[in-house]
Structure formats: structure tokens, C-alpha cells
Amino acid sequence: MTPTLKAKIIEVCDKKIAAKGTNVGISFYAFFKNKNDNPILLMEAATWWIQTHQLNHFEKAVKIKQIVLDL
């Protein structure tokens, strides 16, 4: 995982948790705007989420953050 993606995931998870609590769920789309302005990073996130970790479409933000911090 690139440092850029790692930082983005932690930032988004922190914001979601702060706004909605520890029970908030996210998908890998949460790390991107509604337009595909960085397809390489989007594919990296999708591959990490779907192929590497076989995560469900929505997962708890605290779980995702912990997986990333453990890398």
C-alpha cells in the first residue's frame, strides 16, 4: 500500500468516526470524490479492499483504520 493511500484511508476513517461514532460503516468509495479523478489510486484501494482482504462492501471504519495501522 502506498503512503498516499494509507494516509487517505486513516484521514477519512478519522473524520467519519469523529462525525458519526465508532459504529459508522464505510466502503472503499469513501476515500474518493464522486468523480474518477485518480483511477490508479482508486484501483489500488479496490484491489486492497476486495482482493487482498476480501472485505464486504461496507465495513466499520474502526476496523479498516486498524487494518491499515497494522500494516
PDB file of N, CA and C in Angstrom:
ATOM      1  N   MET A   1       0.847  -1.174   0.000  1.00  0.00           N
ATOM      2  CA  MET A   1       0.000   0.000   0.000  1.00  0.00           C
ATOM      3  C   MET A   1       0.896   1.242   0.000  1.00  0.00           C
ATOM      4  N   THR A   2       0.578   2.159  -0.887  1.00  0.00           N
ATOM      5  CA  THR A   2       1.355   3.388  -0.976  1.00  0.00           C
ATOM      6  C   THR A   2       1.091   4.276   0.238  1.00  0.00           C
ATOM      7  N   PRO A   3       2.072   5.084   0.608  1.00  0.00           N
ATOM      8  CA  PRO A   3       1.867   6.008   1.726  1.00  0.00           C
ATOM      9  C   PRO A   3       0.692   6.967   1.487  1.00  0.00           C
ATOM     10  N   THR A   4       0.466   7.337   0.231  1.00  0.00           N
ATOM     11  CA  THR A   4      -0.642   8.236  -0.101  1.00  0.00           C
ATOM     12  C   THR A   4      -1.975   7.596   0.241  1.00  0.00           C
ATOM     13  N   LEU A   5      -2.171   6.358  -0.154  1.00  0.00           N
ATOM     14  CA  LEU A   5      -3.431   5.681   0.127  1.00  0.00           C
ATOM     15  C   LEU A   5      -3.589   5.431   1.622  1.00  0.00           C
ATOM     16  N   LYS A   6      -2.525   5.026   2.271  1.00  0.00           N
ATOM     17  CA  LYS A   6      -2.579   4.772   3.714  1.00  0.00           C
ATOM     18  C   LYS A   6      -3.009   6.032   4.458  1.00  0.00           C
ATOM     19  N   ALA A   7      -2.406   7.156   4.131  1.00  0.00           N
ATOM     20  CA  ALA A   7      -2.751   8.423   4.783  1.00  0.00           C
ATOM     21  C   ALA A   7      -4.198   8.811   4.505  1.00  0.00           C
ATOM     22  N   LYS A   8      -4.640   8.604   3.276  1.00  0.00           N
ATOM     23  CA  LYS A   8      -6.013   8.944   2.886  1.00  0.00           C
ATOM     24  C   LYS A   8      -7.017   8.100   3.665  1.00  0.00           C
ATOM     25  N   ILE A   9      -6.771   6.810   3.783  1.00  0.00           N
ATOM     26  CA  ILE A   9      -7.682   5.922   4.498  1.00  0.00           C
ATOM     27  C   ILE A   9      -7.784   6.324   5.962  1.00  0.00           C
ATOM     28  N   ILE A  10      -6.652   6.584   6.597  1.00  0.00           N
ATOM     29  CA  ILE A  10      -6.668   6.969   8.008  1.00  0.00           C
ATOM     30  C   ILE A  10      -7.391   8.298   8.189  1.00  0.00           C
ATOM     31  N   GLU A  11      -7.137   9.255   7.317  1.00  0.00           N
ATOM     32  CA  GLU A  11      -7.796  10.564   7.390  1.00  0.00           C
ATOM     33  C   GLU A  11      -9.315  10.433   7.271  1.00  0.00           C
ATOM     34  N   VAL A  12      -9.776   9.686   6.285  1.00  0.00           N
ATOM     35  CA  VAL A  12     -11.216   9.525   6.057  1.00  0.00           C
ATOM     36  C   VAL A  12     -11.861   8.770   7.220  1.00  0.00           C
ATOM     37  N   CYS A  13     -11.219   7.714   7.676  1.00  0.00           N
ATOM     38  CA  CYS A  13     -11.765   6.953   8.809  1.00  0.00           C
ATOM     39  C   CYS A  13     -11.880   7.844  10.044  1.00  0.00           C
ATOM     40  N   ASP A  14     -10.847   8.620  10.330  1.00  0.00           N
ATOM     41  CA  ASP A  14     -10.884   9.522  11.485  1.00  0.00           C
ATOM     42  C   ASP A  14     -12.041  10.514  11.389  1.00  0.00           C
ATOM     43  N   LYS A  15     -12.234  11.093  10.205  1.00  0.00           N
ATOM     44  CA  LYS A  15     -13.330  12.053  10.012  1.00  0.00           C
ATOM     45  C   LYS A  15     -14.691  11.393  10.183  1.00  0.00           C
ATOM     46  N   LYS A  16     -14.864  10.212   9.596  1.00  0.00           N
ATOM     47  CA  LYS A  16     -16.153   9.510   9.696  1.00  0.00           C
ATOM     48  C   LYS A  16     -16.446   9.112  11.145  1.00  0.00           C
ATOM     49  N   ILE A  17     -15.432   8.604  11.839  1.00  0.00           N
ATOM     50  CA  ILE A  17     -15.607   8.187  13.235  1.00  0.00           C
ATOM     51  C   ILE A  17     -15.942   9.396  14.105  1.00  0.00           C
ATOM     52  N   ALA A  18     -15.240  10.505  13.891  1.00  0.00           N
ATOM     53  CA  ALA A  18     -15.492  11.722  14.663  1.00  0.00           C
ATOM     54  C   ALA A  18     -16.906  12.252  14.432  1.00  0.00           C
ATOM     55  N   ALA A  19     -17.380  12.141  13.202  1.00  0.00           N
ATOM     56  CA  ALA A  19     -18.697  12.685  12.854  1.00  0.00           C
ATOM     57  C   ALA A  19     -19.850  11.769  13.251  1.00  0.00           C
ATOM     58  N   LYS A  20     -19.649  10.449  13.140  1.00  0.00           N
ATOM     59  CA  LYS A  20     -20.778   9.530  13.305  1.00  0.00           C
ATOM     60  C   LYS A  20     -20.565   8.438  14.343  1.00  0.00           C
ATOM     61  N   GLY A  21     -19.422   8.421  14.988  1.00  0.00           N
ATOM     62  CA  GLY A  21     -19.166   7.441  16.032  1.00  0.00           C
ATOM     63  C   GLY A  21     -18.468   6.191  15.537  1.00  0.00           C
ATOM     64  N   THR A  22     -18.144   5.322  16.482  1.00  0.00           N
ATOM     65  CA  THR A  22     -17.341   4.139  16.181  1.00  0.00           C
ATOM     66  C   THR A  22     -18.101   3.051  15.432  1.00  0.00           C
ATOM     67  N   ASN A  23     -19.389   3.208  15.297  1.00  0.00           N
ATOM     68  CA  ASN A  23     -20.191   2.200  14.608  1.00  0.00           C
ATOM     69  C   ASN A  23     -20.391   2.516  13.121  1.00  0.00           C
ATOM     70  N   VAL A  24     -19.800   3.601  12.644  1.00  0.00           N
ATOM     71  CA  VAL A  24     -20.010   4.036  11.269  1.00  0.00           C
ATOM     72  C   VAL A  24     -19.350   3.057  10.287  1.00  0.00           C
ATOM     73  N   GLY A  25     -20.061   2.767   9.210  1.00  0.00           N
ATOM     74  CA  GLY A  25     -19.541   1.905   8.160  1.00  0.00           C
ATOM     75  C   GLY A  25     -19.087   2.723   6.965  1.00  0.00           C
ATOM     76  N   ILE A  26     -18.125   2.186   6.236  1.00  0.00           N
ATOM     77  CA  ILE A  26     -17.636   2.845   5.020  1.00  0.00           C
ATOM     78  C   ILE A  26     -17.349   1.784   3.957  1.00  0.00           C
ATOM     79  N   SER A  27     -17.248   2.242   2.719  1.00  0.00           N
ATOM     80  CA  SER A  27     -16.773   1.400   1.625  1.00  0.00           C
ATOM     81  C   SER A  27     -15.515   2.060   1.078  1.00  0.00           C
ATOM     82  N   PHE A  28     -14.822   1.385   0.178  1.00  0.00           N
ATOM     83  CA  PHE A  28     -13.598   1.992  -0.348  1.00  0.00           C
ATOM     84  C   PHE A  28     -13.894   3.227  -1.185  1.00  0.00           C
ATOM     85  N   TYR A  29     -15.124   3.385  -1.632  1.00  0.00           N
ATOM     86  CA  TYR A  29     -15.500   4.599  -2.365  1.00  0.00           C
ATOM     87  C   TYR A  29     -15.440   5.838  -1.480  1.00  0.00           C
ATOM     88  N   ALA A  30     -15.487   5.668  -0.161  1.00  0.00           N
ATOM     89  CA  ALA A  30     -15.451   6.809   0.760  1.00  0.00           C
ATOM     90  C   ALA A  30     -14.143   7.586   0.654  1.00  0.00           C
ATOM     91  N   PHE A  31     -13.119   6.976   0.097  1.00  0.00           N
ATOM     92  CA  PHE A  31     -11.819   7.615   0.015  1.00  0.00           C
ATOM     93  C   PHE A  31     -11.658   8.486  -1.230  1.00  0.00           C
ATOM     94  N   PHE A  32     -12.732   8.597  -2.021  1.00  0.00           N
ATOM     95  CA  PHE A  32     -12.665   9.322  -3.288  1.00  0.00           C
ATOM     96  C   PHE A  32     -13.871  10.224  -3.474  1.00  0.00           C
ATOM     97  N   LYS A  33     -13.688  11.232  -4.309  1.00  0.00           N
ATOM     98  CA  LYS A  33     -14.791  12.102  -4.681  1.00  0.00           C
ATOM     99  C   LYS A  33     -15.730  11.326  -5.600  1.00  0.00           C
ATOM    100  N   ASN A  34     -16.858  11.904  -5.920  1.00  0.00           N
ATOM    101  CA  ASN A  34     -17.839  11.234  -6.777  1.00  0.00           C
ATOM    102  C   ASN A  34     -17.407  11.161  -8.234  1.00  0.00           C
ATOM    103  N   LYS A  35     -16.221  11.655  -8.534  1.00  0.00           N
ATOM    104  CA  LYS A  35     -15.725  11.515  -9.899  1.00  0.00           C
ATOM    105  C   LYS A  35     -14.389  10.782  -9.857  1.00  0.00           C
ATOM    106  N   ASN A  36     -14.080  10.128 -10.921  1.00  0.00           N
ATOM    107  CA  ASN A  36     -12.890   9.298 -11.002  1.00  0.00           C
ATOM    108  C   ASN A  36     -11.699  10.153 -11.430  1.00  0.00           C
ATOM    109  N   ASP A  37     -11.163  10.942 -10.480  1.00  0.00           N
ATOM    110  CA  ASP A  37     -10.068  11.845 -10.824  1.00  0.00           C
ATOM    111  C   ASP A  37      -8.683  11.241 -10.536  1.00  0.00           C
ATOM    112  N   ASN A  38      -8.651  10.047  -9.942  1.00  0.00           N
ATOM    113  CA  ASN A  38      -7.378   9.373  -9.706  1.00  0.00           C
ATOM    114  C   ASN A  38      -7.588   7.862  -9.857  1.00  0.00           C
ATOM    115  N   PRO A  39      -7.709   7.377 -11.096  1.00  0.00           N
ATOM    116  CA  PRO A  39      -8.030   5.969 -11.316  1.00  0.00           C
ATOM    117  C   PRO A  39      -6.987   4.991 -10.776  1.00  0.00           C
ATOM    118  N   ILE A  40      -5.734   5.383 -10.761  1.00  0.00           N
ATOM    119  CA  ILE A  40      -4.693   4.485 -10.254  1.00  0.00           C
ATOM    120  C   ILE A  40      -4.867   4.264  -8.751  1.00  0.00           C
ATOM    121  N   LEU A  41      -5.103   5.330  -8.002  1.00  0.00           N
ATOM    122  CA  LEU A  41      -5.319   5.207  -6.564  1.00  0.00           C
ATOM    123  C   LEU A  41      -6.622   4.471  -6.265  1.00  0.00           C
ATOM    124  N   LEU A  42      -7.655   4.730  -7.057  1.00  0.00           N
ATOM    125  CA  LEU A  42      -8.926   4.028  -6.889  1.00  0.00           C
ATOM    126  C   LEU A  42      -8.751   2.523  -7.085  1.00  0.00           C
ATOM    127  N   MET A  43      -8.009   2.127  -8.110  1.00  0.00           N
ATOM    128  CA  MET A  43      -7.781   0.700  -8.356  1.00  0.00           C
ATOM    129  C   MET A  43      -6.919   0.083  -7.260  1.00  0.00           C
ATOM    130  N   GLU A  44      -5.980   0.836  -6.738  1.00  0.00           N
ATOM    131  CA  GLU A  44      -5.175   0.336  -5.626  1.00  0.00           C
ATOM    132  C   GLU A  44      -6.064   0.069  -4.415  1.00  0.00           C
ATOM    133  N   ALA A  45      -6.959   1.012  -4.110  1.00  0.00           N
ATOM    134  CA  ALA A  45      -7.870   0.852  -2.975  1.00  0.00           C
ATOM    135  C   ALA A  45      -8.820  -0.317  -3.198  1.00  0.00           C
ATOM    136  N   ALA A  46      -9.363  -0.429  -4.393  1.00  0.00           N
ATOM    137  CA  ALA A  46     -10.295  -1.520  -4.705  1.00  0.00           C
ATOM    138  C   ALA A  46      -9.600  -2.873  -4.602  1.00  0.00           C
ATOM    139  N   THR A  47      -8.394  -2.976  -5.134  1.00  0.00           N
ATOM    140  CA  THR A  47      -7.643  -4.228  -5.067  1.00  0.00           C
ATOM    141  C   THR A  47      -7.335  -4.598  -3.621  1.00  0.00           C
ATOM    142  N   TRP A  48      -6.887  -3.625  -2.841  1.00  0.00           N
ATOM    143  CA  TRP A  48      -6.574  -3.858  -1.431  1.00  0.00           C
ATOM    144  C   TRP A  48      -7.813  -4.320  -0.670  1.00  0.00           C
ATOM    145  N   TRP A  49      -8.948  -3.643  -0.917  1.00  0.00           N
ATOM    146  CA  TRP A  49     -10.198  -3.916  -0.209  1.00  0.00           C
ATOM    147  C   TRP A  49     -10.802  -5.260  -0.621  1.00  0.00           C
ATOM    148  N   ILE A  50     -10.902  -5.489  -1.919  1.00  0.00           N
ATOM    149  CA  ILE A  50     -11.643  -6.645  -2.441  1.00  0.00           C
ATOM    150  C   ILE A  50     -10.768  -7.892  -2.548  1.00  0.00           C
ATOM    151  N   GLN A  51      -9.630  -7.781  -3.201  1.00  0.00           N
ATOM    152  CA  GLN A  51      -8.803  -8.963  -3.439  1.00  0.00           C
ATOM    153  C   GLN A  51      -7.911  -9.314  -2.246  1.00  0.00           C
ATOM    154  N   THR A  52      -7.219  -8.334  -1.722  1.00  0.00           N
ATOM    155  CA  THR A  52      -6.255  -8.612  -0.662  1.00  0.00           C
ATOM    156  C   THR A  52      -6.939  -9.020   0.640  1.00  0.00           C
ATOM    157  N   HIS A  53      -7.956  -8.259   1.042  1.00  0.00           N
ATOM    158  CA  HIS A  53      -8.586  -8.501   2.344  1.00  0.00           C
ATOM    159  C   HIS A  53      -9.973  -9.122   2.259  1.00  0.00           C
ATOM    160  N   GLN A  54     -10.525  -9.233   1.066  1.00  0.00           N
ATOM    161  CA  GLN A  54     -11.844  -9.830   0.847  1.00  0.00           C
ATOM    162  C   GLN A  54     -12.894  -9.262   1.807  1.00  0.00           C
ATOM    163  N   LEU A  55     -12.910  -7.938   1.898  1.00  0.00           N
ATOM    164  CA  LEU A  55     -13.842  -7.249   2.786  1.00  0.00           C
ATOM    165  C   LEU A  55     -15.214  -7.121   2.135  1.00  0.00           C
ATOM    166  N   ASN A  56     -16.224  -6.994   2.957  1.00  0.00           N
ATOM    167  CA  ASN A  56     -17.573  -6.729   2.465  1.00  0.00           C
ATOM    168  C   ASN A  56     -17.628  -5.326   1.884  1.00  0.00           C
ATOM    169  N   HIS A  57     -18.716  -5.027   1.171  1.00  0.00           N
ATOM    170  CA  HIS A  57     -18.845  -3.700   0.566  1.00  0.00           C
ATOM    171  C   HIS A  57     -18.750  -2.614   1.638  1.00  0.00           C
ATOM    172  N   PHE A  58     -19.460  -2.790   2.742  1.00  0.00           N
ATOM    173  CA  PHE A  58     -19.382  -1.849   3.863  1.00  0.00           C
ATOM    174  C   PHE A  58     -18.744  -2.547   5.054  1.00  0.00           C
ATOM    175  N   GLU A  59     -17.801  -1.857   5.666  1.00  0.00           N
ATOM    176  CA  GLU A  59     -17.125  -2.338   6.872  1.00  0.00           C
ATOM    177  C   GLU A  59     -17.060  -1.188   7.874  1.00  0.00           C
ATOM    178  N   LYS A  60     -16.856  -1.510   9.121  1.00  0.00           N
ATOM    179  CA  LYS A  60     -16.716  -0.479  10.152  1.00  0.00           C
ATOM    180  C   LYS A  60     -15.424   0.296   9.916  1.00  0.00           C
ATOM    181  N   ALA A  61     -15.517   1.615  10.033  1.00  0.00           N
ATOM    182  CA  ALA A  61     -14.349   2.472   9.826  1.00  0.00           C
ATOM    183  C   ALA A  61     -13.236   2.142  10.818  1.00  0.00           C
ATOM    184  N   VAL A  62     -13.606   1.803  12.057  1.00  0.00           N
ATOM    185  CA  VAL A  62     -12.573   1.468  13.048  1.00  0.00           C
ATOM    186  C   VAL A  62     -11.811   0.207  12.637  1.00  0.00           C
ATOM    187  N   LYS A  63     -12.490  -0.743  12.018  1.00  0.00           N
ATOM    188  CA  LYS A  63     -11.851  -1.971  11.548  1.00  0.00           C
ATOM    189  C   LYS A  63     -10.865  -1.663  10.427  1.00  0.00           C
ATOM    190  N   ILE A  64     -11.295  -0.859   9.465  1.00  0.00           N
ATOM    191  CA  ILE A  64     -10.439  -0.504   8.327  1.00  0.00           C
ATOM    192  C   ILE A  64      -9.213   0.259   8.810  1.00  0.00           C
ATOM    193  N   LYS A  65      -9.438   1.221   9.699  1.00  0.00           N
ATOM    194  CA  LYS A  65      -8.316   2.013  10.221  1.00  0.00           C
ATOM    195  C   LYS A  65      -7.314   1.090  10.919  1.00  0.00           C
ATOM    196  N   GLN A  66      -7.788   0.146  11.706  1.00  0.00           N
ATOM    197  CA  GLN A  66      -6.890  -0.739  12.428  1.00  0.00           C
ATOM    198  C   GLN A  66      -6.096  -1.630  11.473  1.00  0.00           C
ATOM    199  N   ILE A  67      -6.752  -2.117  10.433  1.00  0.00           N
ATOM    200  CA  ILE A  67      -6.041  -2.940   9.434  1.00  0.00           C
ATOM    201  C   ILE A  67      -4.898  -2.127   8.822  1.00  0.00           C
ATOM    202  N   VAL A  68      -5.181  -0.885   8.477  1.00  0.00           N
ATOM    203  CA  VAL A  68      -4.164  -0.026   7.857  1.00  0.00           C
ATOM    204  C   VAL A  68      -3.039   0.285   8.845  1.00  0.00           C
ATOM    205  N   LEU A  69      -3.388   0.572  10.086  1.00  0.00           N
ATOM    206  CA  LEU A  69      -2.358   0.880  11.086  1.00  0.00           C
ATOM    207  C   LEU A  69      -1.468  -0.327  11.365  1.00  0.00           C
ATOM    208  N   ASP A  70      -2.010  -1.532  11.217  1.00  0.00           N
ATOM    209  CA  ASP A  70      -1.245  -2.739  11.464  1.00  0.00           C
ATOM    210  C   ASP A  70      -0.290  -3.104  10.322  1.00  0.00           C
ATOM    211  N   LEU A  71      -0.397  -2.425   9.196  1.00  0.00           N
ATOM    212  CA  LEU A  71       0.479  -2.726   8.055  1.00  0.00           C
ATOM    213  C   LEU A  71       1.924  -2.373   8.343  1.00  0.00           C
TER     214      LEU A  71
END
